[in-house]
Amino acid sequence: MAKAVCDAGPLIHLAEIHQESLLSQFSPLVIPFVVLSEPNSFKAPSTLRFEVQTPSSDERLRAIETLRSTLEAGEIDAISICLTSPGAIFLSDDPAKTMTKVK
């Protein structure tokens, strides 16, 4: 199983169609703390197993420098965590043109 870090979009949209179970193919599934605290964000069902992480301030600053004009806090924290997790998959619903800045 692959590690995945997820921002709010995929979590919200999968919940809307009652398909949160699709996320069980990732281990661990990591959700940034800021994503869980966003208004109108994802409400985790009790059956979904995930870890909550907060990036270090250095990781977050590095991501902010690269992405400050295009992404919100949840995306920035998810990318920050991915930057120090080799091989992790980033799950997002943001446009690919925005994500090209992460490389």
C-alpha atoms as a PDB file:
ATOM      1  CA  MET A   1       0.000   0.000   0.000  1.00  0.00           C
ATOM      2  CA  ALA A   2       1.181   3.515  -0.771  1.00  0.00           C
ATOM      3  CA  LYS A   3       1.230   6.458   1.602  1.00  0.00           C
ATOM      4  CA  ALA A   4      -1.087   9.280   0.544  1.00  0.00           C
ATOM      5  CA  VAL A   5      -1.491  12.823   1.818  1.00  0.00           C
ATOM      6  CA  CYS A   6      -4.887  14.321   1.094  1.00  0.00           C
ATOM      7  CA  ASP A   7      -6.249  17.828   1.041  1.00  0.00           C
ATOM      8  CA  ALA A   8      -9.915  18.613   1.658  1.00  0.00           C
ATOM      9  CA  GLY A   9     -11.300  18.366  -1.879  1.00  0.00           C
ATOM     10  CA  PRO A  10     -11.104  14.622  -2.490  1.00  0.00           C
ATOM     11  CA  LEU A  11     -12.299  13.907   1.049  1.00  0.00           C
ATOM     12  CA  ILE A  12     -15.345  16.137   0.662  1.00  0.00           C
ATOM     13  CA  HIS A  13     -16.248  14.911  -2.820  1.00  0.00           C
ATOM     14  CA  LEU A  14     -15.869  11.219  -1.993  1.00  0.00           C
ATOM     15  CA  ALA A  15     -18.036  11.741   1.096  1.00  0.00           C
ATOM     16  CA  GLU A  16     -20.689  13.438  -1.059  1.00  0.00           C
ATOM     17  CA  ILE A  17     -21.032  10.269  -3.113  1.00  0.00           C
ATOM     18  CA  HIS A  18     -20.551   7.931  -0.120  1.00  0.00           C
ATOM     19  CA  GLN A  19     -17.300   6.496  -1.482  1.00  0.00           C
ATOM     20  CA  GLU A  20     -14.872   7.299   1.352  1.00  0.00           C
ATOM     21  CA  SER A  21     -13.987   3.607   1.438  1.00  0.00           C
ATOM     22  CA  LEU A  22     -11.917   4.142  -1.723  1.00  0.00           C
ATOM     23  CA  LEU A  23      -9.355   5.857   0.492  1.00  0.00           C
ATOM     24  CA  SER A  24      -8.711   2.618   2.384  1.00  0.00           C
ATOM     25  CA  GLN A  25      -6.319   1.547  -0.397  1.00  0.00           C
ATOM     26  CA  PHE A  26      -3.750   4.002   1.006  1.00  0.00           C
ATOM     27  CA  SER A  27      -1.719   3.235   4.090  1.00  0.00           C
ATOM     28  CA  PRO A  28      -1.122   5.419   5.802  1.00  0.00           C
ATOM     29  CA  LEU A  29      -3.659   7.989   4.681  1.00  0.00           C
ATOM     30  CA  VAL A  30      -2.472  11.316   6.088  1.00  0.00           C
ATOM     31  CA  ILE A  31      -4.744  14.318   6.505  1.00  0.00           C
ATOM     32  CA  PRO A  32      -3.175  17.643   7.524  1.00  0.00           C
ATOM     33  CA  PHE A  33      -4.591  19.010  10.773  1.00  0.00           C
ATOM     34  CA  VAL A  34      -5.566  22.258   9.052  1.00  0.00           C
ATOM     35  CA  VAL A  35      -7.793  20.284   6.636  1.00  0.00           C
ATOM     36  CA  LEU A  36      -9.824  18.871   9.523  1.00  0.00           C
ATOM     37  CA  SER A  37     -10.240  22.346  11.005  1.00  0.00           C
ATOM     38  CA  GLU A  38     -11.409  24.073   7.795  1.00  0.00           C
ATOM     39  CA  PRO A  39     -15.013  25.308   7.893  1.00  0.00           C
ATOM     40  CA  ASN A  40     -17.374  23.055   5.921  1.00  0.00           C
ATOM     41  CA  SER A  41     -14.601  20.528   5.573  1.00  0.00           C
ATOM     42  CA  PHE A  42     -14.577  16.790   5.643  1.00  0.00           C
ATOM     43  CA  LYS A  43     -16.281  14.996   8.528  1.00  0.00           C
ATOM     44  CA  ALA A  44     -14.453  11.704   8.865  1.00  0.00           C
ATOM     45  CA  PRO A  45     -16.643   8.617   9.165  1.00  0.00           C
ATOM     46  CA  SER A  46     -15.687   6.359  12.051  1.00  0.00           C
ATOM     47  CA  THR A  47     -14.724   3.593   9.607  1.00  0.00           C
ATOM     48  CA  LEU A  48     -12.008   5.615   7.843  1.00  0.00           C
ATOM     49  CA  ARG A  49      -8.513   5.061   9.224  1.00  0.00           C
ATOM     50  CA  PHE A  50      -6.120   7.985   8.842  1.00  0.00           C
ATOM     51  CA  GLU A  51      -3.312   9.869  10.546  1.00  0.00           C
ATOM     52  CA  VAL A  52      -3.417  13.579  11.279  1.00  0.00           C
ATOM     53  CA  GLN A  53      -0.172  15.478  10.773  1.00  0.00           C
ATOM     54  CA  THR A  54       1.027  19.039  10.922  1.00  0.00           C
ATOM     55  CA  PRO A  55       4.111  19.937   8.881  1.00  0.00           C
ATOM     56  CA  SER A  56       7.124  21.434  10.608  1.00  0.00           C
ATOM     57  CA  SER A  57       7.457  25.185  10.276  1.00  0.00           C
ATOM     58  CA  ASP A  58      10.434  24.712   7.914  1.00  0.00           C
ATOM     59  CA  GLU A  59       8.437  22.373   5.657  1.00  0.00           C
ATOM     60  CA  ARG A  60       5.494  24.769   5.600  1.00  0.00           C
ATOM     61  CA  LEU A  61       7.670  27.816   4.835  1.00  0.00           C
ATOM     62  CA  ARG A  62       9.323  25.961   1.955  1.00  0.00           C
ATOM     63  CA  ALA A  63       5.922  25.107   0.455  1.00  0.00           C
ATOM     64  CA  ILE A  64       4.583  28.632   1.005  1.00  0.00           C
ATOM     65  CA  GLU A  65       7.561  30.133  -0.839  1.00  0.00           C
ATOM     66  CA  THR A  66       6.730  28.018  -3.878  1.00  0.00           C
ATOM     67  CA  LEU A  67       2.931  28.124  -3.759  1.00  0.00           C
ATOM     68  CA  ARG A  68       1.830  31.240  -1.926  1.00  0.00           C
ATOM     69  CA  SER A  69      -0.209  32.766  -4.745  1.00  0.00           C
ATOM     70  CA  THR A  70      -2.153  29.718  -5.881  1.00  0.00           C
ATOM     71  CA  LEU A  71      -3.154  27.424  -3.003  1.00  0.00           C
ATOM     72  CA  GLU A  72      -5.019  27.424   0.301  1.00  0.00           C
ATOM     73  CA  ALA A  73      -3.745  26.290   3.705  1.00  0.00           C
ATOM     74  CA  GLY A  74      -4.894  22.665   3.344  1.00  0.00           C
ATOM     75  CA  GLU A  75      -3.098  22.192   0.043  1.00  0.00           C
ATOM     76  CA  ILE A  76       0.039  23.902   1.347  1.00  0.00           C
ATOM     77  CA  ASP A  77       0.166  21.667   4.433  1.00  0.00           C
ATOM     78  CA  ALA A  78      -0.484  18.508   2.403  1.00  0.00           C
ATOM     79  CA  ILE A  79       2.318  19.404  -0.001  1.00  0.00           C
ATOM     80  CA  SER A  80       4.587  20.309   2.920  1.00  0.00           C
ATOM     81  CA  ILE A  81       4.104  16.828   4.368  1.00  0.00           C
ATOM     82  CA  CYS A  82       4.679  15.204   0.963  1.00  0.00           C
ATOM     83  CA  LEU A  83       7.971  17.050   0.512  1.00  0.00           C
ATOM     84  CA  THR A  84       9.453  15.054   3.387  1.00  0.00           C
ATOM     85  CA  SER A  85       7.693  11.761   2.595  1.00  0.00           C
ATOM     86  CA  PRO A  86       9.471  10.178  -0.387  1.00  0.00           C
ATOM     87  CA  GLY A  87       7.055   8.203  -2.535  1.00  0.00           C
ATOM     88  CA  ALA A  88       3.916   9.672  -0.950  1.00  0.00           C
ATOM     89  CA  ILE A  89       0.981  10.344  -3.237  1.00  0.00           C
ATOM     90  CA  PHE A  90      -0.699  13.758  -3.043  1.00  0.00           C
ATOM     91  CA  LEU A  91      -4.497  13.553  -3.435  1.00  0.00           C
ATOM     92  CA  SER A  92      -6.128  16.792  -4.551  1.00  0.00           C
ATOM     93  CA  ASP A  93      -8.923  18.115  -6.726  1.00  0.00           C
ATOM     94  CA  ASP A  94      -6.978  21.220  -7.732  1.00  0.00           C
ATOM     95  CA  PRO A  95      -6.152  21.790 -11.400  1.00  0.00           C
ATOM     96  CA  ALA A  96      -3.015  20.133 -12.776  1.00  0.00           C
ATOM     97  CA  LYS A  97      -1.638  23.500 -13.930  1.00  0.00           C
ATOM     98  CA  THR A  98      -1.450  24.587 -10.282  1.00  0.00           C
ATOM     99  CA  MET A  99       0.273  21.380  -9.221  1.00  0.00           C
ATOM    100  CA  THR A 100       3.083  21.751 -11.762  1.00  0.00           C
ATOM    101  CA  LYS A 101       4.670  24.335  -9.461  1.00  0.00           C
ATOM    102  CA  VAL A 102       5.313  21.620  -6.849  1.00  0.00           C
ATOM    103  CA  LYS A 103       8.032  19.786  -8.807  1.00  0.00           C
END
